[in-house]
Amino acid sequence: MIHEGARAITGQFLGMLGASATVVGFVAEFGELMGYTIRLASGL
């Protein structure tokens, strides 16, 4: 539950640090991609 809550504020945190919308989007989607990749690999 804490992990999911922390993921929800990643975009706002990066924006507060001055990251552009492109960087925020890339970081968020890259994290999702890595999560699904690890789930796929560990499931096999």
PDB file of N, CA and C in Angstrom:
ATOM      1  N   MET A   1       0.823  -1.180   0.000  1.00  0.00           N
ATOM      2  CA  MET A   1       0.000   0.000   0.000  1.00  0.00           C
ATOM      3  C   MET A   1       0.881   1.263   0.000  1.00  0.00           C
ATOM      4  N   ILE A   2       1.938   1.247   0.751  1.00  0.00           N
ATOM      5  CA  ILE A   2       2.829   2.405   0.789  1.00  0.00           C
ATOM      6  C   ILE A   2       3.510   2.590  -0.555  1.00  0.00           C
ATOM      7  N   HIS A   3       3.911   1.484  -1.175  1.00  0.00           N
ATOM      8  CA  HIS A   3       4.570   1.561  -2.484  1.00  0.00           C
ATOM      9  C   HIS A   3       3.649   2.208  -3.507  1.00  0.00           C
ATOM     10  N   GLU A   4       2.399   1.783  -3.562  1.00  0.00           N
ATOM     11  CA  GLU A   4       1.456   2.345  -4.524  1.00  0.00           C
ATOM     12  C   GLU A   4       1.186   3.815  -4.228  1.00  0.00           C
ATOM     13  N   GLY A   5       1.112   4.172  -2.964  1.00  0.00           N
ATOM     14  CA  GLY A   5       0.907   5.570  -2.604  1.00  0.00           C
ATOM     15  C   GLY A   5       2.088   6.435  -2.997  1.00  0.00           C
ATOM     16  N   ALA A   6       3.276   5.907  -2.836  1.00  0.00           N
ATOM     17  CA  ALA A   6       4.470   6.667  -3.203  1.00  0.00           C
ATOM     18  C   ALA A   6       4.562   6.844  -4.710  1.00  0.00           C
ATOM     19  N   ARG A   7       4.138   5.847  -5.466  1.00  0.00           N
ATOM     20  CA  ARG A   7       4.174   5.965  -6.918  1.00  0.00           C
ATOM     21  C   ARG A   7       3.228   7.038  -7.416  1.00  0.00           C
ATOM     22  N   ALA A   8       2.157   7.283  -6.676  1.00  0.00           N
ATOM     23  CA  ALA A   8       1.174   8.272  -7.106  1.00  0.00           C
ATOM     24  C   ALA A   8       1.717   9.696  -7.023  1.00  0.00           C
ATOM     25  N   ILE A   9       2.708   9.949  -6.182  1.00  0.00           N
ATOM     26  CA  ILE A   9       3.225  11.309  -6.043  1.00  0.00           C
ATOM     27  C   ILE A   9       4.528  11.537  -6.798  1.00  0.00           C
ATOM     28  N   THR A  10       4.999  10.567  -7.537  1.00  0.00           N
ATOM     29  CA  THR A  10       6.260  10.707  -8.260  1.00  0.00           C
ATOM     30  C   THR A  10       6.223  11.879  -9.234  1.00  0.00           C
ATOM     31  N   GLY A  11       5.143  11.993  -9.996  1.00  0.00           N
ATOM     32  CA  GLY A  11       5.037  13.079 -10.971  1.00  0.00           C
ATOM     33  C   GLY A  11       5.054  14.443 -10.323  1.00  0.00           C
ATOM     34  N   GLN A  12       4.311  14.618  -9.253  1.00  0.00           N
ATOM     35  CA  GLN A  12       4.294  15.905  -8.561  1.00  0.00           C
ATOM     36  C   GLN A  12       5.655  16.228  -7.954  1.00  0.00           C
ATOM     37  N   PHE A  13       6.325  15.208  -7.427  1.00  0.00           N
ATOM     38  CA  PHE A  13       7.644  15.421  -6.830  1.00  0.00           C
ATOM     39  C   PHE A  13       8.650  15.853  -7.888  1.00  0.00           C
ATOM     40  N   LEU A  14       8.659  15.176  -9.022  1.00  0.00           N
ATOM     41  CA  LEU A  14       9.586  15.552 -10.092  1.00  0.00           C
ATOM     42  C   LEU A  14       9.265  16.947 -10.613  1.00  0.00           C
ATOM     43  N   GLY A  15       7.970  17.275 -10.718  1.00  0.00           N
ATOM     44  CA  GLY A  15       7.588  18.612 -11.145  1.00  0.00           C
ATOM     45  C   GLY A  15       8.065  19.672 -10.167  1.00  0.00           C
ATOM     46  N   MET A  16       7.990  19.381  -8.887  1.00  0.00           N
ATOM     47  CA  MET A  16       8.459  20.314  -7.867  1.00  0.00           C
ATOM     48  C   MET A  16       9.970  20.530  -7.989  1.00  0.00           C
ATOM     49  N   LEU A  17      10.681  19.501  -8.414  1.00  0.00           N
ATOM     50  CA  LEU A  17      12.127  19.621  -8.597  1.00  0.00           C
ATOM     51  C   LEU A  17      12.494  20.365  -9.882  1.00  0.00           C
ATOM     52  N   GLY A  18      11.486  20.644 -10.721  1.00  0.00           N
ATOM     53  CA  GLY A  18      11.734  21.411 -11.939  1.00  0.00           C
ATOM     54  C   GLY A  18      11.811  20.571 -13.199  1.00  0.00           C
ATOM     55  N   ALA A  19      11.422  19.320 -13.132  1.00  0.00           N
ATOM     56  CA  ALA A  19      11.467  18.462 -14.323  1.00  0.00           C
ATOM     57  C   ALA A  19      10.360  18.860 -15.292  1.00  0.00           C
ATOM     58  N   SER A  20      10.628  18.724 -16.569  1.00  0.00           N
ATOM     59  CA  SER A  20       9.618  19.043 -17.578  1.00  0.00           C
ATOM     60  C   SER A  20       8.568  17.941 -17.635  1.00  0.00           C
ATOM     61  N   ALA A  21       7.467  18.227 -18.290  1.00  0.00           N
ATOM     62  CA  ALA A  21       6.398  17.243 -18.422  1.00  0.00           C
ATOM     63  C   ALA A  21       6.881  16.007 -19.178  1.00  0.00           C
ATOM     64  N   THR A  22       7.767  16.194 -20.139  1.00  0.00           N
ATOM     65  CA  THR A  22       8.308  15.071 -20.900  1.00  0.00           C
ATOM     66  C   THR A  22       9.109  14.140 -19.996  1.00  0.00           C
ATOM     67  N   VAL A  23       9.932  14.699 -19.153  1.00  0.00           N
ATOM     68  CA  VAL A  23      10.748  13.895 -18.236  1.00  0.00           C
ATOM     69  C   VAL A  23       9.858  13.168 -17.239  1.00  0.00           C
ATOM     70  N   VAL A  24       8.867  13.873 -16.695  1.00  0.00           N
ATOM     71  CA  VAL A  24       7.954  13.255 -15.734  1.00  0.00           C
ATOM     72  C   VAL A  24       7.231  12.087 -16.383  1.00  0.00           C
ATOM     73  N   GLY A  25       6.720  12.277 -17.605  1.00  0.00           N
ATOM     74  CA  GLY A  25       6.024  11.208 -18.312  1.00  0.00           C
ATOM     75  C   GLY A  25       6.925  10.027 -18.607  1.00  0.00           C
ATOM     76  N   PHE A  26       8.146  10.302 -19.028  1.00  0.00           N
ATOM     77  CA  PHE A  26       9.077   9.221 -19.344  1.00  0.00           C
ATOM     78  C   PHE A  26       9.416   8.411 -18.103  1.00  0.00           C
ATOM     79  N   VAL A  27       9.704   9.082 -17.011  1.00  0.00           N
ATOM     80  CA  VAL A  27      10.068   8.390 -15.775  1.00  0.00           C
ATOM     81  C   VAL A  27       8.909   7.530 -15.280  1.00  0.00           C
ATOM     82  N   ALA A  28       7.709   8.086 -15.314  1.00  0.00           N
ATOM     83  CA  ALA A  28       6.545   7.348 -14.832  1.00  0.00           C
ATOM     84  C   ALA A  28       6.272   6.118 -15.698  1.00  0.00           C
ATOM     85  N   GLU A  29       6.298   6.286 -17.002  1.00  0.00           N
ATOM     86  CA  GLU A  29       6.015   5.166 -17.898  1.00  0.00           C
ATOM     87  C   GLU A  29       7.149   4.148 -17.910  1.00  0.00           C
ATOM     88  N   PHE A  30       8.381   4.600 -17.768  1.00  0.00           N
ATOM     89  CA  PHE A  30       9.500   3.670 -17.714  1.00  0.00           C
ATOM     90  C   PHE A  30       9.397   2.788 -16.469  1.00  0.00           C
ATOM     91  N   GLY A  31       8.969   3.382 -15.373  1.00  0.00           N
ATOM     92  CA  GLY A  31       8.760   2.605 -14.145  1.00  0.00           C
ATOM     93  C   GLY A  31       7.688   1.546 -14.325  1.00  0.00           C
ATOM     94  N   GLU A  32       6.607   1.910 -15.001  1.00  0.00           N
ATOM     95  CA  GLU A  32       5.545   0.939 -15.283  1.00  0.00           C
ATOM     96  C   GLU A  32       6.078  -0.191 -16.172  1.00  0.00           C
ATOM     97  N   LEU A  33       6.826   0.172 -17.199  1.00  0.00           N
ATOM     98  CA  LEU A  33       7.391  -0.826 -18.110  1.00  0.00           C
ATOM     99  C   LEU A  33       8.303  -1.798 -17.373  1.00  0.00           C
ATOM    100  N   MET A  34       9.163  -1.272 -16.510  1.00  0.00           N
ATOM    101  CA  MET A  34      10.061  -2.144 -15.764  1.00  0.00           C
ATOM    102  C   MET A  34       9.277  -3.054 -14.816  1.00  0.00           C
ATOM    103  N   GLY A  35       8.234  -2.539 -14.194  1.00  0.00           N
ATOM    104  CA  GLY A  35       7.419  -3.360 -13.308  1.00  0.00           C
ATOM    105  C   GLY A  35       6.777  -4.521 -14.044  1.00  0.00           C
ATOM    106  N   TYR A  36       6.202  -4.235 -15.213  1.00  0.00           N
ATOM    107  CA  TYR A  36       5.570  -5.300 -15.988  1.00  0.00           C
ATOM    108  C   TYR A  36       6.603  -6.289 -16.529  1.00  0.00           C
ATOM    109  N   THR A  37       7.782  -5.790 -16.901  1.00  0.00           N
ATOM    110  CA  THR A  37       8.842  -6.668 -17.410  1.00  0.00           C
ATOM    111  C   THR A  37       9.311  -7.629 -16.305  1.00  0.00           C
ATOM    112  N   ILE A  38       9.496  -7.117 -15.120  1.00  0.00           N
ATOM    113  CA  ILE A  38       9.936  -7.958 -14.009  1.00  0.00           C
ATOM    114  C   ILE A  38       8.848  -8.975 -13.659  1.00  0.00           C
ATOM    115  N   ARG A  39       7.595  -8.554 -13.684  1.00  0.00           N
ATOM    116  CA  ARG A  39       6.494  -9.494 -13.411  1.00  0.00           C
ATOM    117  C   ARG A  39       6.461 -10.601 -14.448  1.00  0.00           C
ATOM    118  N   LEU A  40       6.666 -10.244 -15.711  1.00  0.00           N
ATOM    119  CA  LEU A  40       6.671 -11.246 -16.778  1.00  0.00           C
ATOM    120  C   LEU A  40       7.831 -12.217 -16.604  1.00  0.00           C
ATOM    121  N   ALA A  41       9.009 -11.692 -16.337  1.00  0.00           N
ATOM    122  CA  ALA A  41      10.189 -12.548 -16.179  1.00  0.00           C
ATOM    123  C   ALA A  41      10.081 -13.437 -14.952  1.00  0.00           C
ATOM    124  N   SER A  42       9.558 -12.916 -13.861  1.00  0.00           N
ATOM    125  CA  SER A  42       9.478 -13.723 -12.651  1.00  0.00           C
ATOM    126  C   SER A  42       8.344 -14.746 -12.734  1.00  0.00           C
ATOM    127  N   GLY A  43       7.349 -14.455 -13.546  1.00  0.00           N
ATOM    128  CA  GLY A  43       6.249 -15.409 -13.705  1.00  0.00           C
ATOM    129  C   GLY A  43       6.640 -16.629 -14.509  1.00  0.00           C
ATOM    130  N   LEU A  44       7.608 -16.445 -15.403  1.00  0.00           N
ATOM    131  CA  LEU A  44       8.062 -17.565 -16.228  1.00  0.00           C
ATOM    132  C   LEU A  44       8.936 -18.472 -15.396  1.00  0.00           C
TER     133      LEU A  44
END
